[in-house]
Amino acid sequence: NHQSVVCEVENYIQFYNYYRRHSTIGYLTPHQKYHELKNAA
């Protein structure tokens, strides 16, 4: 149903931004990179 699809997409976004490391940003998560850049400014 629609609600389960919404929940799965939200779970993937959470994983992608907070747990999955990205090689293009130095094997950091987007969340880590955001805070790194925020603290540098």
Protein backbone atom coordinates (compact mmCIF):
# COMPACT_ATOMS: atom_id res chain seq x y z
CA ASN A 1 0.00 0.00 0.00
CA HIS A 2 0.93 3.65 -0.25
CA GLN A 3 1.99 4.07 3.39
CA SER A 4 4.44 1.16 3.25
CA VAL A 5 6.04 2.58 0.10
CA VAL A 6 6.40 5.99 1.76
CA CYS A 7 7.98 4.33 4.80
CA GLU A 8 10.47 2.38 2.67
CA VAL A 9 11.50 5.50 0.75
CA GLU A 10 12.00 7.41 4.00
CA ASN A 11 14.10 4.54 5.36
CA TYR A 12 16.29 4.57 2.25
CA ILE A 13 16.77 8.35 2.44
CA GLN A 14 17.76 7.99 6.10
CA PHE A 15 20.26 5.26 5.20
CA TYR A 16 21.63 7.20 2.23
CA ASN A 17 22.23 10.41 4.17
CA TYR A 18 23.32 9.09 7.57
CA TYR A 19 24.99 5.70 7.06
CA ARG A 20 26.10 5.14 3.45
CA ARG A 21 29.61 6.41 2.82
CA HIS A 22 30.26 8.14 -0.51
CA SER A 23 33.61 7.82 -2.24
CA THR A 24 33.23 11.18 -4.00
CA ILE A 25 33.21 13.05 -0.67
CA GLY A 26 36.08 11.23 0.96
CA TYR A 27 34.17 8.18 2.23
CA LEU A 28 32.03 10.29 4.53
CA THR A 29 28.28 10.24 4.81
CA PRO A 30 26.47 13.30 3.42
CA HIS A 31 25.51 14.15 7.01
CA GLN A 32 29.17 14.10 8.10
CA LYS A 33 30.23 16.20 5.11
CA TYR A 34 27.49 18.73 5.80
CA HIS A 35 28.71 19.22 9.35
CA GLU A 36 32.33 19.37 8.22
CA LEU A 37 31.50 22.18 5.80
CA LYS A 38 29.21 23.94 8.26
CA ASN A 39 31.93 24.02 10.92
CA ALA A 40 34.53 25.29 8.43
CA ALA A 41 32.44 28.34 7.51
